[in-house]
Amino acid sequence: MSATTVRLDAATVPERTVPETVTAPASAARWRSRLVRVLSVVAAIGVWQLLTANDIRLWVRFDTLPTVTQILDALQRQLGTETYWLDLGQSLVRILSGFALAAVLGVGTGVALGRSQVFANIVGPLTELARPIPAIAIVPVAILMFPTDEAGIVFITFLAAFFPIMVSTRHAVRALPTIWEESLLTQGGTRWDVLWRVVLPGSLPGVFSGLSVGIGVAWICVVSAEMISGRLGVGYRTWQAYTIVDYPSVFVGIITIGVLGFGTSAAVELLGRRFTRWLPRVSEGTK
C-alpha cells in the first residue's frame, strides 16, 4: 500500500470530538443542580423566619428561638469586633494542627497495619480497644496530661480525626488487588517500589474518604473541648453566649462552625480530587 493511500485512508477517519449537543445538556444540568441546592437553603431560611416570627409551637417551641433577622443583626455586630476574628482564628489553628498530625500518623499507622502482620498483632489490639472511646471523653485526661489547655484541645482534635483516617487507610490497603504487587515484583521491583508505586497510590481513594470523615469528627470534638476547657475559640464563645442568654449569638456561633466545617471539608474533597484524577467521575448533573 502506498504512502498516498495511507494518507487518504487516515483522512477519511473522522476525528473524535465531543459534540456541543452533549456538553451543553451536561452543563445545563450542572447549573440546575446548583440552583436547586441554593434554593433549598433559601427555602429553609424562609421557613425558619416564618415559624420564629409568628411564634409557632408544634413539636418544637419556635417561639423561644431567635428569628433570622435577629441572628443576622447579631452576626453583623460580631463581624465588626476583634473578638470574633480571634475566636475564629484560634479554632482554625487548633483544628488544622490536630488534623494535620492525625493525617500523617493515621495514614502511616493504617498502611503499617495493612501491610505488616507483626505490626498488626502488636498495635492492632490497642487501636481497636481505644477506637470506641469518644475523644471528648478524654478531655479530663488531656487536662491532666498536658501543661496547657491549648495542648489538650489540640490532642483531643488529633485523637478524634486519627481513628477514622487510620481505619479507612487500613481497609483501603488491605483491599488492594494482590496482582498489582505481584506484577511489580516480577518486573524487578522492590518492596519500597511496591509501597510507593502500588500501595500509596492505590489506597488514595480510601485515604481521602477517611480524611473527609476525620475533619468532620475533629470539628465536633474541638468545639466540645472549647466549651469545656477553652479560653478562646468559636465553641467557647458560643457556650458563653448561652450562659448569658444571648440566643442570637448562640446561633451566630452555630453558623460560624457550620461554615468553617463546610469550608475545611470542601478543601479536603478538592485536594482528594486533585490527587485522584485518574478515577472515573460521576457527572454532577447525573447524581
Protein backbone atom coordinates (compact mmCIF):
# COMPACT_ATOMS: atom_id res chain seq x y z
CA MET A 1 0.00 0.00 0.00
CA SER A 2 1.44 3.40 -0.97
CA ALA A 3 2.00 6.31 1.35
CA THR A 4 -0.61 8.27 -0.62
CA THR A 5 -3.21 5.61 0.06
CA VAL A 6 -2.36 5.59 3.76
CA ARG A 7 -2.83 9.36 3.97
CA LEU A 8 -6.15 9.15 2.16
CA ASP A 9 -7.36 6.38 4.49
CA ALA A 10 -6.33 8.38 7.53
CA ALA A 11 -8.07 11.44 6.16
CA THR A 12 -11.32 9.53 5.84
CA VAL A 13 -11.31 8.61 9.57
CA PRO A 14 -13.49 11.15 11.38
CA GLU A 15 -11.84 12.94 14.27
CA ARG A 16 -13.38 12.04 17.63
CA THR A 17 -14.65 15.19 19.21
CA VAL A 18 -17.25 15.81 21.89
CA PRO A 19 -20.34 17.26 20.21
CA GLU A 20 -21.69 20.51 21.54
CA THR A 21 -25.09 18.84 21.88
CA VAL A 22 -23.57 16.54 24.51
CA THR A 23 -21.67 19.13 26.55
CA ALA A 24 -24.49 21.70 26.57
CA PRO A 25 -27.08 19.50 28.35
CA ALA A 26 -24.45 18.38 30.87
CA SER A 27 -23.58 21.99 31.67
CA ALA A 28 -27.26 22.93 31.96
CA ALA A 29 -27.90 20.00 34.30
CA ARG A 30 -24.94 21.02 36.45
CA TRP A 31 -26.28 24.57 36.82
CA ARG A 32 -29.78 23.28 37.57
CA SER A 33 -28.34 21.09 40.31
CA ARG A 34 -26.53 24.06 41.86
CA LEU A 35 -29.63 26.23 41.65
CA VAL A 36 -31.72 23.59 43.42
CA ARG A 37 -29.14 23.40 46.22
CA VAL A 38 -29.16 27.16 46.71
CA LEU A 39 -32.95 27.31 46.64
CA SER A 40 -33.20 24.54 49.24
CA VAL A 41 -31.08 26.61 51.65
CA VAL A 42 -33.09 29.77 50.93
CA ALA A 43 -36.34 27.85 51.48
CA ALA A 44 -35.09 26.50 54.84
CA ILE A 45 -34.15 30.03 55.95
CA GLY A 46 -37.56 31.31 54.88
CA VAL A 47 -39.38 28.58 56.81
CA TRP A 48 -37.27 29.34 59.91
CA GLN A 49 -38.16 33.03 59.70
CA LEU A 50 -41.84 32.23 59.24
CA LEU A 51 -42.01 29.87 62.22
CA THR A 52 -40.00 32.02 64.64
CA ALA A 53 -41.51 35.38 63.68
CA ASN A 54 -45.04 34.04 64.20
CA ASP A 55 -44.23 32.24 67.48
CA ILE A 56 -45.31 28.86 66.14
CA ARG A 57 -45.43 25.94 68.58
CA LEU A 58 -45.55 22.49 67.04
CA TRP A 59 -43.34 19.72 68.41
CA VAL A 60 -40.62 22.37 68.66
CA ARG A 61 -41.06 25.65 70.52
CA PHE A 62 -40.09 28.06 67.78
CA ASP A 63 -41.41 30.97 69.86
CA THR A 64 -38.34 30.64 72.11
CA LEU A 65 -35.83 30.80 69.24
CA PRO A 66 -34.43 33.93 67.56
CA THR A 67 -35.63 34.96 64.12
CA VAL A 68 -33.39 35.11 61.07
CA THR A 69 -33.29 38.91 61.24
CA GLN A 70 -32.18 38.83 64.88
CA ILE A 71 -29.42 36.35 64.04
CA LEU A 72 -28.26 38.49 61.11
CA ASP A 73 -28.16 41.58 63.34
CA ALA A 74 -26.03 39.70 65.90
CA LEU A 75 -23.77 38.42 63.12
CA GLN A 76 -23.29 41.92 61.75
CA ARG A 77 -22.33 43.21 65.19
CA GLN A 78 -19.85 40.40 65.81
CA LEU A 79 -18.20 40.72 62.41
CA GLY A 80 -17.12 44.20 63.43
CA THR A 81 -15.42 43.03 66.64
CA GLU A 82 -11.87 41.81 67.08
CA THR A 83 -13.01 39.06 69.46
CA TYR A 84 -14.96 37.26 66.73
CA TRP A 85 -11.96 37.01 64.42
CA LEU A 86 -9.65 35.98 67.27
CA ASP A 87 -12.03 33.14 68.17
CA LEU A 88 -12.29 32.08 64.54
CA GLY A 89 -8.52 32.09 64.08
CA GLN A 90 -7.93 30.20 67.31
CA SER A 91 -10.37 27.44 66.34
CA LEU A 92 -8.78 27.15 62.90
CA VAL A 93 -5.29 26.85 64.38
CA ARG A 94 -6.47 24.10 66.72
CA ILE A 95 -8.34 22.14 64.05
CA LEU A 96 -5.59 22.38 61.45
CA SER A 97 -2.84 21.44 63.91
CA GLY A 98 -4.66 18.40 65.28
CA PHE A 99 -5.94 17.30 61.88
CA ALA A 100 -2.54 17.59 60.17
CA LEU A 101 -0.95 15.47 62.88
CA ALA A 102 -3.78 12.94 62.66
CA ALA A 103 -3.46 12.77 58.86
CA VAL A 104 0.27 11.97 58.97
CA LEU A 105 0.11 9.44 61.82
CA GLY A 106 -3.26 8.00 60.77
CA VAL A 107 -2.15 7.25 57.22
CA GLY A 108 1.20 5.88 58.40
CA THR A 109 -0.40 3.64 61.02
CA GLY A 110 -3.09 2.47 58.61
CA VAL A 111 -0.54 1.49 55.97
CA ALA A 112 1.56 -0.33 58.58
CA LEU A 113 -1.48 -2.22 59.91
CA GLY A 114 -2.48 -3.20 56.40
CA ARG A 115 0.98 -4.31 55.29
CA SER A 116 2.68 -5.78 58.36
CA GLN A 117 1.21 -8.71 60.24
CA VAL A 118 3.70 -8.21 63.09
CA PHE A 119 2.71 -4.56 63.48
CA ALA A 120 -0.97 -5.52 63.30
CA ASN A 121 -0.50 -8.11 66.05
CA ILE A 122 1.23 -5.62 68.36
CA VAL A 123 -0.57 -2.33 67.68
CA GLY A 124 -3.87 -3.58 66.22
CA PRO A 125 -5.45 -4.69 69.53
CA LEU A 126 -4.54 -1.38 71.18
CA THR A 127 -6.16 0.66 68.42
CA GLU A 128 -9.30 -1.48 68.48
CA LEU A 129 -9.61 -1.04 72.25
CA ALA A 130 -9.12 2.74 72.08
CA ARG A 131 -11.19 3.39 68.95
CA PRO A 132 -14.69 3.08 70.50
CA ILE A 133 -13.87 5.61 73.23
CA PRO A 134 -15.27 9.06 72.28
CA ALA A 135 -12.47 11.60 72.03
CA ILE A 136 -14.47 14.10 74.06
CA ALA A 137 -14.45 11.64 76.98
CA ILE A 138 -10.66 12.07 77.12
CA VAL A 139 -10.93 15.81 77.94
CA PRO A 140 -10.38 15.30 81.72
CA VAL A 141 -7.38 13.09 80.98
CA ALA A 142 -6.00 15.63 78.50
CA ILE A 143 -6.28 18.38 81.13
CA LEU A 144 -4.20 16.25 83.49
CA MET A 145 -1.69 15.13 80.84
CA PHE A 146 -0.81 18.44 79.22
CA PRO A 147 0.50 21.59 80.90
CA THR A 148 -1.82 23.94 78.95
CA ASP A 149 -5.44 23.82 77.84
CA GLU A 150 -4.30 24.62 74.30
CA ALA A 151 -2.20 21.46 74.02
CA GLY A 152 -5.05 19.40 75.46
CA ILE A 153 -7.56 20.71 72.91
CA VAL A 154 -5.18 20.01 70.02
CA PHE A 155 -4.67 16.49 71.39
CA ILE A 156 -8.44 15.91 71.54
CA THR A 157 -8.75 17.14 67.96
CA PHE A 158 -5.94 14.84 66.87
CA LEU A 159 -7.50 11.86 68.62
CA ALA A 160 -10.91 12.48 67.05
CA ALA A 161 -9.53 12.56 63.50
CA PHE A 162 -6.89 9.85 63.91
CA PHE A 163 -9.11 6.77 64.13
CA PRO A 164 -11.35 7.41 61.08
CA ILE A 165 -8.25 8.12 58.98
CA MET A 166 -6.39 5.08 60.30
CA VAL A 167 -9.29 2.65 59.83
CA SER A 168 -10.13 3.88 56.32
CA THR A 169 -6.47 3.68 55.26
CA ARG A 170 -6.09 0.18 56.70
CA HIS A 171 -9.16 -1.09 54.84
CA ALA A 172 -8.03 0.57 51.59
CA VAL A 173 -4.57 -1.04 51.81
CA ARG A 174 -5.97 -4.49 52.57
CA ALA A 175 -8.45 -4.22 49.67
CA LEU A 176 -5.75 -3.68 47.04
CA PRO A 177 -5.59 -6.48 44.45
CA THR A 178 -2.53 -8.67 45.10
CA ILE A 179 -1.92 -8.95 41.35
CA TRP A 180 -0.70 -5.32 41.31
CA GLU A 181 2.05 -6.10 43.79
CA GLU A 182 2.94 -9.38 42.12
CA SER A 183 3.20 -7.72 38.71
CA LEU A 184 5.63 -5.13 40.01
CA LEU A 185 7.75 -7.71 41.86
CA THR A 186 8.02 -9.91 38.77
CA GLN A 187 9.39 -6.93 36.86
CA GLY A 188 12.19 -6.49 39.39
CA GLY A 189 10.55 -4.04 41.74
CA THR A 190 11.48 -3.92 45.42
CA ARG A 191 9.26 -3.73 48.50
CA TRP A 192 9.80 0.02 48.59
CA ASP A 193 8.70 0.23 44.95
CA VAL A 194 5.52 -1.64 45.91
CA LEU A 195 4.88 0.83 48.71
CA TRP A 196 5.42 3.98 46.66
CA ARG A 197 4.06 2.83 43.30
CA VAL A 198 1.23 0.48 44.30
CA VAL A 199 0.14 0.76 47.94
CA LEU A 200 0.07 4.53 48.40
CA PRO A 201 -1.47 5.48 45.01
CA GLY A 202 -3.93 2.58 45.12
CA SER A 203 -5.16 3.42 48.61
CA LEU A 204 -5.62 7.16 47.98
CA PRO A 205 -9.43 6.97 47.47
CA GLY A 206 -9.80 5.26 50.84
CA VAL A 207 -7.34 7.63 52.48
CA PHE A 208 -9.26 10.71 51.39
CA SER A 209 -12.52 9.10 52.42
CA GLY A 210 -11.07 8.79 55.92
CA LEU A 211 -9.77 12.36 55.80
CA SER A 212 -13.25 13.64 54.92
CA VAL A 213 -14.78 11.79 57.86
CA GLY A 214 -11.91 12.76 60.16
CA ILE A 215 -12.22 16.51 59.55
CA GLY A 216 -15.93 16.39 60.40
CA VAL A 217 -15.39 14.45 63.62
CA ALA A 218 -12.50 16.74 64.52
CA TRP A 219 -14.77 19.80 64.34
CA ILE A 220 -17.29 18.16 66.66
CA CYS A 221 -14.64 17.44 69.25
CA VAL A 222 -12.71 20.70 69.02
CA VAL A 223 -15.90 22.70 69.61
CA SER A 224 -16.89 20.45 72.50
CA ALA A 225 -13.41 20.74 74.04
CA GLU A 226 -13.52 24.53 73.68
CA MET A 227 -16.84 24.59 75.51
CA ILE A 228 -15.41 22.53 78.37
CA SER A 229 -11.90 23.88 78.86
CA GLY A 230 -11.23 26.58 76.29
CA ARG A 231 -10.43 30.25 76.83
CA LEU A 232 -10.84 31.32 73.22
CA GLY A 233 -12.49 29.79 70.17
CA VAL A 234 -15.87 29.60 68.48
CA GLY A 235 -17.07 26.80 70.76
CA TYR A 236 -16.10 28.69 73.92
CA ARG A 237 -17.79 31.90 72.73
CA THR A 238 -20.96 30.01 71.74
CA TRP A 239 -21.26 28.44 75.17
CA GLN A 240 -20.54 31.77 76.83
CA ALA A 241 -23.39 33.35 74.83
CA TYR A 242 -25.72 30.60 76.02
CA THR A 243 -24.82 31.19 79.67
CA ILE A 244 -25.77 34.88 79.40
CA VAL A 245 -29.00 34.02 77.47
CA ASP A 246 -27.82 35.68 74.25
CA TYR A 247 -29.53 33.25 71.89
CA PRO A 248 -28.91 35.16 68.64
CA SER A 249 -25.17 34.99 69.37
CA VAL A 250 -25.52 31.27 70.04
CA PHE A 251 -26.82 30.82 66.52
CA VAL A 252 -24.06 33.04 65.15
CA GLY A 253 -21.60 30.59 66.69
CA ILE A 254 -23.50 27.63 65.24
CA ILE A 255 -23.50 29.19 61.77
CA THR A 256 -19.80 30.03 62.04
CA ILE A 257 -18.99 26.44 63.00
CA GLY A 258 -21.07 25.16 60.08
CA VAL A 259 -19.34 27.44 57.57
CA LEU A 260 -15.87 26.55 58.88
CA GLY A 261 -16.70 22.84 58.79
CA PHE A 262 -18.09 23.10 55.28
CA GLY A 263 -15.04 25.01 54.07
CA THR A 264 -12.49 22.60 55.51
CA SER A 265 -14.42 19.55 54.29
CA ALA A 266 -14.66 21.06 50.80
CA ALA A 267 -10.90 21.74 50.84
CA VAL A 268 -10.19 18.09 51.73
CA GLU A 269 -12.54 16.89 48.98
CA LEU A 270 -10.94 19.21 46.42
CA LEU A 271 -7.49 18.01 47.41
CA GLY A 272 -8.67 14.42 47.08
CA ARG A 273 -9.94 15.08 43.56
CA ARG A 274 -6.60 16.61 42.62
CA PHE A 275 -4.68 13.57 43.83
CA THR A 276 -7.08 11.02 42.30
CA ARG A 277 -7.65 12.48 38.86
CA TRP A 278 -7.27 9.02 37.37
CA LEU A 279 -10.51 7.84 38.99
CA PRO A 280 -13.70 7.82 36.89
CA ARG A 281 -16.06 10.63 37.91
CA VAL A 282 -19.83 10.72 38.01
CA SER A 283 -21.22 13.84 36.38
CA GLU A 284 -22.73 16.23 38.88
CA GLY A 285 -25.89 16.52 36.86
CA THR A 286 -26.46 12.74 36.93
CA LYS A 287 -26.23 12.33 40.70
